[in-house]
Amino acid sequence: MNSYYTKNELENIGFNSIGNNVLISKKSSIYSPEKMNIGSNVRIDDFAILTGEINIGNYVHIASFTGLFGSAGIKMEDFTGVSSRVSIYSSSDDYSGSSLTNPMVPDKYKSINCGEVCLKKHSIVGASSVILPGVVIGKGSSIGAMTLVTKSTKDWKIYFGIPAKPIKNRKKDLLRLEKELKKEVIFDV
């Protein structure tokens, strides 16, 4: 038994667009696929939840037990990845107590914080991290495990902590490897 959807099954799910060499676990949960664009060379593992407006580039990995909640949009550019148990929220209720919360309460009684989340090219997010609405993970940024990202990050920095703080610069050796990969394969951009 194949644990990934076949190309034909993927086309029948109803994604807005889908590239080549896409592996999506049959144990993942996809809501509103018509709002999703998926590039080529993408793998989405078991028990990942994707909902809302999501745009995934090329060479992207979404690990098991990850949640991408894209009511205000989530964009993952080429060569990005999220490790297991990462949660990305493009909208969130106000937890201050000044309004009601939860999806069963009509919007007029809630105060919702919304903003597209973007993972720029070559950024990665470590296990059990949380990214909140409106955050841009800078190009080449690395988010350490169990980090809470409440503000956008700078390019080519490594972040860690609650809240996320830059701890050092990230190496750029991977840019040379990207060039080598592009010479070996037909690259969809």
C-alpha atoms as a PDB file:
ATOM      1  CA  MET A   1       0.000   0.000   0.000  1.00  0.00           C
ATOM      2  CA  ASN A   2       1.349   3.408  -0.990  1.00  0.00           C
ATOM      3  CA  SER A   3       1.131   5.904   1.871  1.00  0.00           C
ATOM      4  CA  TYR A   4       1.295   8.872  -0.541  1.00  0.00           C
ATOM      5  CA  TYR A   5      -1.400  10.018  -2.951  1.00  0.00           C
ATOM      6  CA  THR A   6      -0.769   9.140  -6.578  1.00  0.00           C
ATOM      7  CA  LYS A   7      -0.447  11.937  -9.161  1.00  0.00           C
ATOM      8  CA  ASN A   8      -3.997  11.178 -10.346  1.00  0.00           C
ATOM      9  CA  GLU A   9      -5.350  11.270  -6.787  1.00  0.00           C
ATOM     10  CA  LEU A  10      -3.582  14.595  -6.163  1.00  0.00           C
ATOM     11  CA  GLU A  11      -5.131  16.095  -9.290  1.00  0.00           C
ATOM     12  CA  ASN A  12      -8.582  14.967  -8.099  1.00  0.00           C
ATOM     13  CA  ILE A  13      -8.174  16.617  -4.673  1.00  0.00           C
ATOM     14  CA  GLY A  14      -8.771  19.973  -6.354  1.00  0.00           C
ATOM     15  CA  PHE A  15      -5.654  22.051  -5.645  1.00  0.00           C
ATOM     16  CA  ASN A  16      -5.547  25.391  -7.465  1.00  0.00           C
ATOM     17  CA  SER A  17      -2.237  24.207  -8.944  1.00  0.00           C
ATOM     18  CA  ILE A  18       0.160  21.353  -8.299  1.00  0.00           C
ATOM     19  CA  GLY A  19       3.650  20.649  -9.640  1.00  0.00           C
ATOM     20  CA  ASN A  20       5.612  17.461 -10.311  1.00  0.00           C
ATOM     21  CA  ASN A  21       7.135  15.006  -7.859  1.00  0.00           C
ATOM     22  CA  VAL A  22       4.722  15.931  -5.070  1.00  0.00           C
ATOM     23  CA  LEU A  23       4.414  13.471  -2.192  1.00  0.00           C
ATOM     24  CA  ILE A  24       1.489  14.101   0.163  1.00  0.00           C
ATOM     25  CA  SER A  25       0.697  11.556   2.846  1.00  0.00           C
ATOM     26  CA  LYS A  26      -2.764  10.044   2.766  1.00  0.00           C
ATOM     27  CA  LYS A  27      -2.730  10.593   6.538  1.00  0.00           C
ATOM     28  CA  SER A  28      -2.481  14.379   6.179  1.00  0.00           C
ATOM     29  CA  SER A  29      -5.547  16.644   6.355  1.00  0.00           C
ATOM     30  CA  ILE A  30      -6.094  19.171   3.563  1.00  0.00           C
ATOM     31  CA  TYR A  31      -8.915  21.733   3.888  1.00  0.00           C
ATOM     32  CA  SER A  32      -9.857  24.147   1.063  1.00  0.00           C
ATOM     33  CA  PRO A  33      -7.381  22.721  -1.476  1.00  0.00           C
ATOM     34  CA  GLU A  34      -8.774  25.062  -4.132  1.00  0.00           C
ATOM     35  CA  LYS A  35      -6.973  27.886  -2.251  1.00  0.00           C
ATOM     36  CA  MET A  36      -3.604  26.089  -2.381  1.00  0.00           C
ATOM     37  CA  ASN A  37      -0.760  26.197  -4.897  1.00  0.00           C
ATOM     38  CA  ILE A  38       1.912  23.531  -4.566  1.00  0.00           C
ATOM     39  CA  GLY A  39       5.175  23.625  -6.511  1.00  0.00           C
ATOM     40  CA  SER A  40       7.392  20.711  -7.572  1.00  0.00           C
ATOM     41  CA  ASN A  41       9.506  18.446  -5.394  1.00  0.00           C
ATOM     42  CA  VAL A  42       7.336  18.894  -2.315  1.00  0.00           C
ATOM     43  CA  ARG A  43       6.761  16.392   0.486  1.00  0.00           C
ATOM     44  CA  ILE A  44       4.037  16.679   3.129  1.00  0.00           C
ATOM     45  CA  ASP A  45       4.216  14.007   5.832  1.00  0.00           C
ATOM     46  CA  ASP A  46       1.731  12.144   8.049  1.00  0.00           C
ATOM     47  CA  PHE A  47      -0.720  14.073  10.207  1.00  0.00           C
ATOM     48  CA  ALA A  48       0.138  17.481   8.781  1.00  0.00           C
ATOM     49  CA  ILE A  49      -2.854  19.839   8.673  1.00  0.00           C
ATOM     50  CA  LEU A  50      -3.083  22.431   5.892  1.00  0.00           C
ATOM     51  CA  THR A  51      -6.010  24.802   5.757  1.00  0.00           C
ATOM     52  CA  GLY A  52      -6.708  28.116   4.049  1.00  0.00           C
ATOM     53  CA  GLU A  53      -4.705  30.097   1.525  1.00  0.00           C
ATOM     54  CA  ILE A  54      -1.331  28.360   1.185  1.00  0.00           C
ATOM     55  CA  ASN A  55       1.336  28.798  -1.501  1.00  0.00           C
ATOM     56  CA  ILE A  56       4.207  26.318  -1.477  1.00  0.00           C
ATOM     57  CA  GLY A  57       7.258  26.725  -3.708  1.00  0.00           C
ATOM     58  CA  ASN A  58       9.711  24.102  -5.012  1.00  0.00           C
ATOM     59  CA  TYR A  59      11.861  21.762  -2.934  1.00  0.00           C
ATOM     60  CA  VAL A  60       9.785  22.169   0.222  1.00  0.00           C
ATOM     61  CA  HIS A  61       9.304  19.746   3.108  1.00  0.00           C
ATOM     62  CA  ILE A  62       6.498  19.865   5.679  1.00  0.00           C
ATOM     63  CA  ALA A  63       7.125  17.313   8.433  1.00  0.00           C
ATOM     64  CA  SER A  64       4.658  15.218  10.426  1.00  0.00           C
ATOM     65  CA  PHE A  65       2.236  16.729  12.932  1.00  0.00           C
ATOM     66  CA  THR A  66       2.706  20.218  11.463  1.00  0.00           C
ATOM     67  CA  GLY A  67      -0.171  22.693  11.257  1.00  0.00           C
ATOM     68  CA  LEU A  68      -0.370  25.422   8.608  1.00  0.00           C
ATOM     69  CA  PHE A  69      -3.414  27.561   9.363  1.00  0.00           C
ATOM     70  CA  GLY A  70      -3.613  29.989   6.445  1.00  0.00           C
ATOM     71  CA  SER A  71      -6.851  31.925   6.764  1.00  0.00           C
ATOM     72  CA  ALA A  72      -4.874  35.128   6.040  1.00  0.00           C
ATOM     73  CA  GLY A  73      -2.307  33.366   3.835  1.00  0.00           C
ATOM     74  CA  ILE A  74       0.900  31.382   4.232  1.00  0.00           C
ATOM     75  CA  LYS A  75       3.682  31.411   1.653  1.00  0.00           C
ATOM     76  CA  MET A  76       6.632  29.005   1.675  1.00  0.00           C
ATOM     77  CA  GLU A  77       9.236  29.935  -0.926  1.00  0.00           C
ATOM     78  CA  ASP A  78      11.683  27.522  -2.603  1.00  0.00           C
ATOM     79  CA  PHE A  79      13.974  25.369  -0.439  1.00  0.00           C
ATOM     80  CA  THR A  80      12.068  25.994   2.795  1.00  0.00           C
ATOM     81  CA  GLY A  81      11.086  23.461   5.379  1.00  0.00           C
ATOM     82  CA  VAL A  82       9.279  23.021   8.662  1.00  0.00           C
ATOM     83  CA  SER A  83      10.147  20.265  11.097  1.00  0.00           C
ATOM     84  CA  SER A  84       7.677  18.153  13.063  1.00  0.00           C
ATOM     85  CA  ARG A  85       5.062  19.746  15.299  1.00  0.00           C
ATOM     86  CA  VAL A  86       5.570  23.259  13.918  1.00  0.00           C
ATOM     87  CA  SER A  87       2.472  25.478  14.017  1.00  0.00           C
ATOM     88  CA  ILE A  88       2.099  28.444  11.674  1.00  0.00           C
ATOM     89  CA  TYR A  89      -0.860  30.789  12.236  1.00  0.00           C
ATOM     90  CA  SER A  90      -1.826  33.591   9.850  1.00  0.00           C
ATOM     91  CA  SER A  91      -4.666  34.576  12.175  1.00  0.00           C
ATOM     92  CA  SER A  92      -5.169  34.350  15.899  1.00  0.00           C
ATOM     93  CA  ASP A  93      -7.794  35.343  18.437  1.00  0.00           C
ATOM     94  CA  ASP A  94      -7.027  38.105  20.936  1.00  0.00           C
ATOM     95  CA  TYR A  95      -6.255  36.331  24.214  1.00  0.00           C
ATOM     96  CA  SER A  96      -6.267  39.500  26.378  1.00  0.00           C
ATOM     97  CA  GLY A  97      -9.863  38.993  27.496  1.00  0.00           C
ATOM     98  CA  SER A  98     -11.205  42.049  25.662  1.00  0.00           C
ATOM     99  CA  SER A  99     -13.173  39.855  23.248  1.00  0.00           C
ATOM    100  CA  LEU A 100     -14.565  36.368  22.915  1.00  0.00           C
ATOM    101  CA  THR A 101     -12.481  33.640  21.322  1.00  0.00           C
ATOM    102  CA  ASN A 102     -12.808  30.424  19.291  1.00  0.00           C
ATOM    103  CA  PRO A 103     -14.130  29.585  15.834  1.00  0.00           C
ATOM    104  CA  MET A 104     -17.694  28.978  17.019  1.00  0.00           C
ATOM    105  CA  VAL A 105     -18.151  32.602  18.158  1.00  0.00           C
ATOM    106  CA  PRO A 106     -19.403  35.043  15.476  1.00  0.00           C
ATOM    107  CA  ASP A 107     -16.665  37.422  14.241  1.00  0.00           C
ATOM    108  CA  LYS A 108     -18.449  40.533  15.551  1.00  0.00           C
ATOM    109  CA  TYR A 109     -17.710  39.362  19.119  1.00  0.00           C
ATOM    110  CA  LYS A 110     -14.040  38.603  18.459  1.00  0.00           C
ATOM    111  CA  SER A 111     -10.876  40.578  17.844  1.00  0.00           C
ATOM    112  CA  ILE A 112      -8.782  38.660  15.340  1.00  0.00           C
ATOM    113  CA  ASN A 113      -5.134  39.394  14.561  1.00  0.00           C
ATOM    114  CA  CYS A 114      -4.487  38.563  10.875  1.00  0.00           C
ATOM    115  CA  GLY A 115      -1.477  38.773   8.619  1.00  0.00           C
ATOM    116  CA  GLU A 116       0.140  36.660   5.922  1.00  0.00           C
ATOM    117  CA  VAL A 117       3.093  34.556   7.077  1.00  0.00           C
ATOM    118  CA  CYS A 118       5.988  34.135   4.645  1.00  0.00           C
ATOM    119  CA  LEU A 119       8.972  31.811   4.827  1.00  0.00           C
ATOM    120  CA  LYS A 120      11.551  33.294   2.465  1.00  0.00           C
ATOM    121  CA  LYS A 121      13.840  31.142   0.328  1.00  0.00           C
ATOM    122  CA  HIS A 122      16.179  28.794   2.227  1.00  0.00           C
ATOM    123  CA  SER A 123      14.563  29.414   5.610  1.00  0.00           C
ATOM    124  CA  ILE A 124      13.927  26.508   7.982  1.00  0.00           C
ATOM    125  CA  VAL A 125      11.871  26.105  11.139  1.00  0.00           C
ATOM    126  CA  GLY A 126      12.843  23.662  13.900  1.00  0.00           C
ATOM    127  CA  ALA A 127      10.606  21.191  15.719  1.00  0.00           C
ATOM    128  CA  SER A 128       7.746  22.414  17.909  1.00  0.00           C
ATOM    129  CA  SER A 129       8.215  26.072  16.969  1.00  0.00           C
ATOM    130  CA  VAL A 130       5.279  28.461  16.659  1.00  0.00           C
ATOM    131  CA  ILE A 131       5.007  31.310  14.144  1.00  0.00           C
ATOM    132  CA  LEU A 132       2.334  33.959  14.690  1.00  0.00           C
ATOM    133  CA  PRO A 133       0.407  36.152  12.197  1.00  0.00           C
ATOM    134  CA  GLY A 134       2.190  38.671   9.999  1.00  0.00           C
ATOM    135  CA  VAL A 135       5.674  37.237  10.484  1.00  0.00           C
ATOM    136  CA  VAL A 136       8.187  37.077   7.634  1.00  0.00           C
ATOM    137  CA  ILE A 137      10.962  34.559   8.188  1.00  0.00           C
ATOM    138  CA  GLY A 138      13.888  36.222   6.396  1.00  0.00           C
ATOM    139  CA  LYS A 139      15.804  34.649   3.527  1.00  0.00           C
ATOM    140  CA  GLY A 140      18.093  31.939   4.860  1.00  0.00           C
ATOM    141  CA  SER A 141      16.888  32.331   8.446  1.00  0.00           C
ATOM    142  CA  SER A 142      16.992  29.316  10.734  1.00  0.00           C
ATOM    143  CA  ILE A 143      14.507  29.030  13.589  1.00  0.00           C
ATOM    144  CA  GLY A 144      15.686  26.725  16.390  1.00  0.00           C
ATOM    145  CA  ALA A 145      13.487  24.058  17.957  1.00  0.00           C
ATOM    146  CA  MET A 146      10.755  25.213  20.346  1.00  0.00           C
ATOM    147  CA  THR A 147      11.040  28.873  19.354  1.00  0.00           C
ATOM    148  CA  LEU A 148       8.149  31.343  19.465  1.00  0.00           C
ATOM    149  CA  VAL A 149       8.340  33.770  16.529  1.00  0.00           C
ATOM    150  CA  THR A 150       6.222  36.877  17.116  1.00  0.00           C
ATOM    151  CA  LYS A 151       8.167  39.313  14.905  1.00  0.00           C
ATOM    152  CA  SER A 152       9.767  39.085  11.472  1.00  0.00           C
ATOM    153  CA  THR A 153      13.359  37.860  11.280  1.00  0.00           C
ATOM    154  CA  LYS A 154      16.375  39.199   9.420  1.00  0.00           C
ATOM    155  CA  ASP A 155      18.029  37.367   6.522  1.00  0.00           C
ATOM    156  CA  TRP A 156      20.703  34.736   7.210  1.00  0.00           C
ATOM    157  CA  LYS A 157      20.388  34.721  11.008  1.00  0.00           C
ATOM    158  CA  ILE A 158      19.813  31.840  13.418  1.00  0.00           C
ATOM    159  CA  TYR A 159      17.043  32.493  15.948  1.00  0.00           C
ATOM    160  CA  PHE A 160      16.140  30.712  19.154  1.00  0.00           C
ATOM    161  CA  GLY A 161      14.018  31.253  22.264  1.00  0.00           C
ATOM    162  CA  ILE A 162      10.736  32.541  23.619  1.00  0.00           C
ATOM    163  CA  PRO A 163      10.425  35.049  22.109  1.00  0.00           C
ATOM    164  CA  ALA A 164      12.809  34.429  19.196  1.00  0.00           C
ATOM    165  CA  LYS A 165      16.144  36.216  19.416  1.00  0.00           C
ATOM    166  CA  PRO A 166      19.032  36.157  16.922  1.00  0.00           C
ATOM    167  CA  ILE A 167      21.943  34.127  18.280  1.00  0.00           C
ATOM    168  CA  LYS A 168      24.376  34.109  15.333  1.00  0.00           C
ATOM    169  CA  ASN A 169      24.739  34.361  11.560  1.00  0.00           C
ATOM    170  CA  ARG A 170      23.855  31.400   9.348  1.00  0.00           C
ATOM    171  CA  LYS A 171      26.315  30.094   6.767  1.00  0.00           C
ATOM    172  CA  LYS A 172      25.528  30.548   3.060  1.00  0.00           C
ATOM    173  CA  ASP A 173      27.293  27.421   1.752  1.00  0.00           C
ATOM    174  CA  LEU A 174      23.916  26.060   0.710  1.00  0.00           C
ATOM    175  CA  LEU A 175      23.718  28.641  -2.105  1.00  0.00           C
ATOM    176  CA  ARG A 176      26.572  26.859  -3.904  1.00  0.00           C
ATOM    177  CA  LEU A 177      24.771  23.543  -3.432  1.00  0.00           C
ATOM    178  CA  GLU A 178      21.585  25.021  -4.884  1.00  0.00           C
ATOM    179  CA  LYS A 179      23.514  26.002  -8.034  1.00  0.00           C
ATOM    180  CA  GLU A 180      24.909  22.473  -8.340  1.00  0.00           C
ATOM    181  CA  LEU A 181      21.425  20.975  -7.955  1.00  0.00           C
ATOM    182  CA  LYS A 182      20.017  23.254 -10.646  1.00  0.00           C
ATOM    183  CA  LYS A 183      22.722  22.065 -13.070  1.00  0.00           C
ATOM    184  CA  GLU A 184      21.749  18.410 -12.454  1.00  0.00           C
ATOM    185  CA  VAL A 185      17.963  18.597 -12.779  1.00  0.00           C
ATOM    186  CA  ILE A 186      15.331  20.465 -14.698  1.00  0.00           C
ATOM    187  CA  PHE A 187      14.273  23.098 -12.220  1.00  0.00           C
ATOM    188  CA  ASP A 188      10.694  24.400 -12.085  1.00  0.00           C
ATOM    189  CA  VAL A 189      10.590  28.036 -11.018  1.00  0.00           C
END
